[in-house]
Every structure is written in C-alpha cells, then in structure tokens.
C-alpha cells in the first residue's frame, strides 16, 4: 500500500503544481492527515499550501483528518473503480474531520 500511496501523492502534487483552480482552493490550507487501514499499517502525511509532504508510516499526533478503510477499498478508489460517495454510503470508507476538510480531501480520490 505504501507504494500506491506514494504514487497517488506524487500524482496529486504534479496536478496541484499545474492546476490553478486547485492551487486557489488549497492555498493556505495546512492539515495533518492520517490513513488508518483496518487490514494493514497506518500512514500519515501533511497537506500544506497545495502540496503533500512528510509522508510516513504510523500515526500522527492530533490529525485534522482521519481516513479509515481497508486496502482493497482505497485501491478501488484510487483506480476509479468505486467513487468516494459509494464507499462512504456502504461504510467501506469512514472519514473523521470537519465537513470543509472532507470536501478538500476528496481531491485525492
């Protein structure tokens, strides 16, 4: 899963570098994000000023956003085989954080 997450992060960072609309939307945003996998390791990263950085294994203190799922569901989301709304509705994906943060994090999927 780590390799997949790194690819998604790199893809997001490349898109954010070129997409002016995304840059404006995420400008000044600073969030600690944790991904909890029910069937694997946890990972964390920072979203700061349109860039994801500080990716690492394990938990992060006081995350602003927590994404909880299994590796299969996350893989399906990244491959566009399932949409985030369906994953949420079927309880295969759980998000903890403010509504505003939830709307921002959907850019990953």
N, C-alpha and C. Protein backbone atom coordinates (compact mmCIF):
# COMPACT_ATOMS: atom_id res chain seq x y z
N UNK A 1 0.83 -1.19 0.00
CA UNK A 1 0.00 0.00 0.00
C UNK A 1 0.88 1.26 0.00
N UNK A 2 2.02 1.18 0.64
CA UNK A 2 2.90 2.36 0.71
C UNK A 2 3.27 2.86 -0.69
N UNK A 3 3.61 1.94 -1.58
CA UNK A 3 3.99 2.32 -2.94
C UNK A 3 2.81 3.00 -3.66
N UNK A 4 1.62 2.47 -3.47
CA UNK A 4 0.42 3.05 -4.09
C UNK A 4 0.18 4.45 -3.56
N UNK A 5 0.29 4.63 -2.25
CA UNK A 5 0.08 5.94 -1.66
C UNK A 5 1.10 6.95 -2.17
N UNK A 6 2.35 6.53 -2.31
CA UNK A 6 3.38 7.45 -2.82
C UNK A 6 3.08 7.86 -4.26
N UNK A 7 2.59 6.93 -5.07
CA UNK A 7 2.23 7.27 -6.45
C UNK A 7 1.09 8.28 -6.48
N UNK A 8 0.08 8.05 -5.64
CA UNK A 8 -1.07 8.96 -5.58
C UNK A 8 -0.64 10.34 -5.10
N UNK A 9 0.24 10.38 -4.12
CA UNK A 9 0.74 11.66 -3.60
C UNK A 9 1.52 12.40 -4.69
N UNK A 10 2.38 11.70 -5.39
CA UNK A 10 3.14 12.33 -6.48
C UNK A 10 2.22 12.84 -7.59
N UNK A 11 1.21 12.05 -7.93
CA UNK A 11 0.25 12.47 -8.94
C UNK A 11 -0.51 13.72 -8.49
N UNK A 12 -0.92 13.73 -7.22
CA UNK A 12 -1.62 14.89 -6.67
C UNK A 12 -0.72 16.12 -6.70
N UNK A 13 0.52 15.98 -6.26
CA UNK A 13 1.45 17.11 -6.24
C UNK A 13 1.72 17.65 -7.64
N UNK A 14 1.84 16.74 -8.62
CA UNK A 14 2.04 17.18 -10.01
C UNK A 14 0.82 17.96 -10.50
N UNK A 15 -0.36 17.45 -10.20
CA UNK A 15 -1.60 18.12 -10.62
C UNK A 15 -1.73 19.48 -9.93
N UNK A 16 -1.44 19.52 -8.64
CA UNK A 16 -1.56 20.77 -7.88
C UNK A 16 -0.59 21.84 -8.39
N UNK A 17 0.54 21.40 -8.88
CA UNK A 17 1.55 22.33 -9.40
C UNK A 17 1.07 23.03 -10.68
N UNK A 18 0.20 22.33 -11.46
CA UNK A 18 -0.24 22.85 -12.75
C UNK A 18 -1.66 23.41 -12.75
N UNK A 19 -2.47 23.01 -11.80
CA UNK A 19 -3.90 23.34 -11.78
C UNK A 19 -4.14 24.59 -10.92
N UNK A 20 -4.36 25.73 -11.58
CA UNK A 20 -4.54 27.00 -10.86
C UNK A 20 -5.78 26.98 -9.97
N UNK A 21 -6.84 26.34 -10.42
CA UNK A 21 -8.07 26.26 -9.62
C UNK A 21 -7.81 25.49 -8.32
N UNK A 22 -7.12 24.38 -8.43
CA UNK A 22 -6.77 23.58 -7.25
C UNK A 22 -5.84 24.37 -6.33
N UNK A 23 -4.91 25.09 -6.90
CA UNK A 23 -3.99 25.91 -6.11
C UNK A 23 -4.75 26.94 -5.28
N UNK A 24 -5.71 27.62 -5.91
CA UNK A 24 -6.50 28.62 -5.20
C UNK A 24 -7.35 28.00 -4.10
N UNK A 25 -7.90 26.83 -4.38
CA UNK A 25 -8.75 26.15 -3.41
C UNK A 25 -7.98 25.69 -2.18
N UNK A 26 -6.74 25.29 -2.37
CA UNK A 26 -5.94 24.76 -1.27
C UNK A 26 -4.91 25.74 -0.71
N UNK A 27 -4.87 26.93 -1.26
CA UNK A 27 -3.91 27.93 -0.81
C UNK A 27 -4.11 28.23 0.68
N UNK A 28 -3.04 28.17 1.43
CA UNK A 28 -3.09 28.47 2.86
C UNK A 28 -3.61 27.34 3.73
N UNK A 29 -4.00 26.23 3.12
CA UNK A 29 -4.51 25.08 3.87
C UNK A 29 -3.35 24.29 4.45
N UNK A 30 -3.46 23.95 5.72
CA UNK A 30 -2.46 23.13 6.40
C UNK A 30 -3.20 22.09 7.24
N UNK A 31 -3.08 20.83 6.84
CA UNK A 31 -3.80 19.77 7.54
C UNK A 31 -2.91 18.55 7.73
N UNK A 32 -3.03 17.94 8.92
CA UNK A 32 -2.37 16.66 9.19
C UNK A 32 -3.39 15.57 8.89
N UNK A 33 -2.99 14.63 8.04
CA UNK A 33 -3.91 13.60 7.58
C UNK A 33 -3.36 12.23 7.95
N UNK A 34 -4.23 11.41 8.50
CA UNK A 34 -3.86 10.05 8.87
C UNK A 34 -4.75 9.08 8.12
N UNK A 35 -4.14 8.03 7.59
CA UNK A 35 -4.89 6.95 6.93
C UNK A 35 -4.76 5.72 7.80
N UNK A 36 -5.90 5.23 8.29
CA UNK A 36 -5.92 4.03 9.13
C UNK A 36 -6.49 2.88 8.31
N UNK A 37 -5.67 1.86 8.10
CA UNK A 37 -6.10 0.70 7.34
C UNK A 37 -6.50 -0.40 8.32
N UNK A 38 -7.72 -0.87 8.19
CA UNK A 38 -8.24 -1.89 9.09
C UNK A 38 -7.54 -3.23 8.90
N UNK A 39 -6.86 -3.40 7.76
CA UNK A 39 -6.17 -4.66 7.47
C UNK A 39 -4.68 -4.46 7.18
N UNK A 40 -4.12 -3.39 7.71
CA UNK A 40 -2.70 -3.14 7.45
C UNK A 40 -2.14 -2.02 8.30
N UNK A 41 -1.06 -1.43 7.82
CA UNK A 41 -0.37 -0.37 8.54
C UNK A 41 -1.09 0.97 8.37
N UNK A 42 -0.84 1.87 9.30
CA UNK A 42 -1.34 3.24 9.21
C UNK A 42 -0.26 4.12 8.59
N UNK A 43 -0.70 5.18 7.91
CA UNK A 43 0.22 6.14 7.29
C UNK A 43 -0.28 7.54 7.57
N UNK A 44 0.61 8.50 7.44
CA UNK A 44 0.23 9.90 7.65
C UNK A 44 1.01 10.79 6.68
N UNK A 45 0.47 12.00 6.48
CA UNK A 45 1.15 13.00 5.65
C UNK A 45 0.58 14.37 5.96
N UNK A 46 1.24 15.38 5.46
CA UNK A 46 0.80 16.76 5.64
C UNK A 46 0.36 17.34 4.30
N UNK A 47 -0.71 18.10 4.35
CA UNK A 47 -1.14 18.89 3.19
C UNK A 47 -0.90 20.33 3.58
N UNK A 48 0.06 20.97 2.90
CA UNK A 48 0.39 22.37 3.20
C UNK A 48 0.57 23.15 1.91
N UNK A 49 -0.23 24.22 1.79
CA UNK A 49 -0.12 25.11 0.62
C UNK A 49 -0.04 24.34 -0.69
N UNK A 50 -1.03 23.54 -0.94
CA UNK A 50 -1.22 22.80 -2.19
C UNK A 50 -0.23 21.66 -2.41
N UNK A 51 0.52 21.27 -1.41
CA UNK A 51 1.49 20.19 -1.60
C UNK A 51 1.39 19.19 -0.44
N UNK A 52 1.47 17.92 -0.79
CA UNK A 52 1.50 16.87 0.22
C UNK A 52 2.96 16.52 0.48
N UNK A 53 3.31 16.47 1.76
CA UNK A 53 4.70 16.17 2.14
C UNK A 53 4.71 15.36 3.44
N UNK A 54 5.89 15.06 3.90
CA UNK A 54 6.12 14.36 5.18
C UNK A 54 5.33 13.06 5.30
N UNK A 55 5.29 12.30 4.20
CA UNK A 55 4.63 11.00 4.21
C UNK A 55 5.41 10.04 5.10
N UNK A 56 4.70 9.28 5.92
CA UNK A 56 5.39 8.31 6.76
C UNK A 56 4.46 7.23 7.27
N UNK A 57 5.06 6.18 7.76
CA UNK A 57 4.31 5.07 8.34
C UNK A 57 4.00 5.38 9.80
N UNK A 58 2.85 4.93 10.25
CA UNK A 58 2.46 5.11 11.64
C UNK A 58 1.47 6.24 11.83
N UNK A 59 1.19 6.51 13.08
CA UNK A 59 0.21 7.54 13.43
C UNK A 59 0.86 8.91 13.54
N UNK A 60 0.03 9.94 13.45
CA UNK A 60 0.47 11.32 13.62
C UNK A 60 -0.34 11.91 14.78
N UNK A 61 0.28 12.72 15.58
CA UNK A 61 -0.42 13.31 16.73
C UNK A 61 -1.48 14.30 16.26
N UNK A 62 -2.66 14.20 16.81
CA UNK A 62 -3.77 15.12 16.56
C UNK A 62 -4.04 15.37 15.08
N UNK A 63 -4.40 14.32 14.32
CA UNK A 63 -4.69 14.54 12.90
C UNK A 63 -5.93 15.41 12.72
N UNK A 64 -5.91 16.25 11.69
CA UNK A 64 -7.08 17.07 11.34
C UNK A 64 -8.11 16.23 10.59
N UNK A 65 -7.61 15.28 9.81
CA UNK A 65 -8.46 14.40 9.01
C UNK A 65 -7.97 12.97 9.21
N UNK A 66 -8.90 12.06 9.47
CA UNK A 66 -8.57 10.65 9.55
C UNK A 66 -9.42 9.90 8.53
N UNK A 67 -8.75 9.11 7.70
CA UNK A 67 -9.41 8.29 6.69
C UNK A 67 -9.28 6.85 7.16
N UNK A 68 -10.41 6.16 7.31
CA UNK A 68 -10.41 4.79 7.82
C UNK A 68 -11.03 3.89 6.77
N UNK A 69 -10.30 2.85 6.37
CA UNK A 69 -10.80 1.92 5.37
C UNK A 69 -9.89 0.71 5.32
N UNK A 70 -10.19 -0.20 4.39
CA UNK A 70 -9.31 -1.33 4.14
C UNK A 70 -8.54 -1.06 2.85
N UNK A 71 -7.48 -1.82 2.64
CA UNK A 71 -6.62 -1.57 1.48
C UNK A 71 -7.35 -1.80 0.16
N UNK A 72 -8.25 -2.78 0.09
CA UNK A 72 -8.98 -3.04 -1.14
C UNK A 72 -9.84 -1.84 -1.55
N UNK A 73 -10.55 -1.26 -0.60
CA UNK A 73 -11.41 -0.11 -0.89
C UNK A 73 -10.59 1.09 -1.35
N UNK A 74 -9.51 1.37 -0.65
CA UNK A 74 -8.65 2.50 -1.03
C UNK A 74 -8.09 2.29 -2.43
N UNK A 75 -7.67 1.06 -2.72
CA UNK A 75 -7.15 0.75 -4.06
C UNK A 75 -8.23 0.98 -5.11
N UNK A 76 -9.46 0.56 -4.82
CA UNK A 76 -10.57 0.76 -5.75
C UNK A 76 -10.85 2.25 -5.95
N UNK A 77 -10.76 3.04 -4.90
CA UNK A 77 -10.96 4.48 -5.02
C UNK A 77 -9.90 5.11 -5.90
N UNK A 78 -8.65 4.75 -5.66
CA UNK A 78 -7.56 5.32 -6.44
C UNK A 78 -7.63 4.90 -7.91
N UNK A 79 -8.15 3.69 -8.18
CA UNK A 79 -8.27 3.19 -9.55
C UNK A 79 -9.57 3.61 -10.22
N UNK A 80 -10.37 4.42 -9.51
CA UNK A 80 -11.66 4.91 -10.02
C UNK A 80 -12.65 3.76 -10.28
N UNK A 81 -12.49 2.64 -9.56
CA UNK A 81 -13.42 1.52 -9.66
C UNK A 81 -14.60 1.71 -8.72
N UNK A 82 -14.47 2.64 -7.80
CA UNK A 82 -15.53 2.98 -6.85
C UNK A 82 -15.39 4.46 -6.53
N UNK A 83 -16.50 5.13 -6.38
CA UNK A 83 -16.48 6.54 -6.02
C UNK A 83 -16.49 6.71 -4.51
N UNK A 84 -15.97 7.84 -4.01
CA UNK A 84 -15.93 8.06 -2.57
C UNK A 84 -17.32 8.09 -1.93
N UNK A 85 -18.32 8.59 -2.63
CA UNK A 85 -19.67 8.64 -2.05
C UNK A 85 -20.23 7.24 -1.84
N UNK A 86 -20.00 6.34 -2.79
CA UNK A 86 -20.45 4.96 -2.63
C UNK A 86 -19.71 4.28 -1.48
N UNK A 87 -18.41 4.52 -1.39
CA UNK A 87 -17.62 3.92 -0.31
C UNK A 87 -18.11 4.42 1.05
N UNK A 88 -18.45 5.69 1.14
CA UNK A 88 -18.98 6.24 2.39
C UNK A 88 -20.36 5.66 2.69
N UNK A 89 -21.22 5.60 1.68
CA UNK A 89 -22.59 5.11 1.88
C UNK A 89 -22.62 3.65 2.30
N UNK A 90 -21.68 2.85 1.80
CA UNK A 90 -21.63 1.42 2.15
C UNK A 90 -20.75 1.16 3.37
N UNK A 91 -20.28 2.23 3.98
CA UNK A 91 -19.45 2.18 5.20
C UNK A 91 -18.12 1.45 5.00
N UNK A 92 -17.67 1.43 3.74
CA UNK A 92 -16.34 0.87 3.46
C UNK A 92 -15.26 1.93 3.66
N UNK A 93 -15.70 3.19 3.77
CA UNK A 93 -14.81 4.32 3.99
C UNK A 93 -15.42 5.19 5.07
N UNK A 94 -14.61 5.55 6.06
CA UNK A 94 -15.06 6.45 7.12
C UNK A 94 -14.07 7.62 7.18
N UNK A 95 -14.61 8.79 7.39
CA UNK A 95 -13.79 9.99 7.49
C UNK A 95 -14.11 10.71 8.78
N UNK A 96 -13.06 11.17 9.44
CA UNK A 96 -13.22 11.98 10.65
C UNK A 96 -12.55 13.32 10.38
N UNK A 97 -13.29 14.39 10.65
CA UNK A 97 -12.78 15.73 10.42
C UNK A 97 -13.95 16.66 10.14
N UNK A 98 -13.64 17.91 9.88
CA UNK A 98 -14.70 18.87 9.60
C UNK A 98 -15.25 18.64 8.19
N UNK A 99 -16.46 19.08 7.96
CA UNK A 99 -17.08 18.95 6.63
C UNK A 99 -16.23 19.65 5.58
N UNK A 100 -15.73 20.82 5.91
CA UNK A 100 -14.89 21.57 4.97
C UNK A 100 -13.64 20.76 4.61
N UNK A 101 -13.03 20.11 5.61
CA UNK A 101 -11.85 19.28 5.34
C UNK A 101 -12.20 18.08 4.47
N UNK A 102 -13.37 17.50 4.72
CA UNK A 102 -13.81 16.35 3.92
C UNK A 102 -13.93 16.72 2.45
N UNK A 103 -14.44 17.90 2.18
CA UNK A 103 -14.59 18.35 0.80
C UNK A 103 -13.23 18.56 0.15
N UNK A 104 -12.25 19.01 0.92
CA UNK A 104 -10.91 19.22 0.37
C UNK A 104 -10.21 17.89 0.08
N UNK A 105 -10.39 16.91 0.97
CA UNK A 105 -9.66 15.65 0.83
C UNK A 105 -10.17 14.82 -0.34
N UNK A 106 -11.37 15.09 -0.81
CA UNK A 106 -11.90 14.33 -1.95
C UNK A 106 -11.03 14.51 -3.19
N UNK A 107 -10.22 15.56 -3.21
CA UNK A 107 -9.32 15.80 -4.35
C UNK A 107 -8.32 14.67 -4.51
N UNK A 108 -8.06 13.93 -3.44
CA UNK A 108 -7.14 12.80 -3.53
C UNK A 108 -7.73 11.65 -4.34
N UNK A 109 -9.05 11.54 -4.27
CA UNK A 109 -9.72 10.42 -4.95
C UNK A 109 -10.23 10.88 -6.27
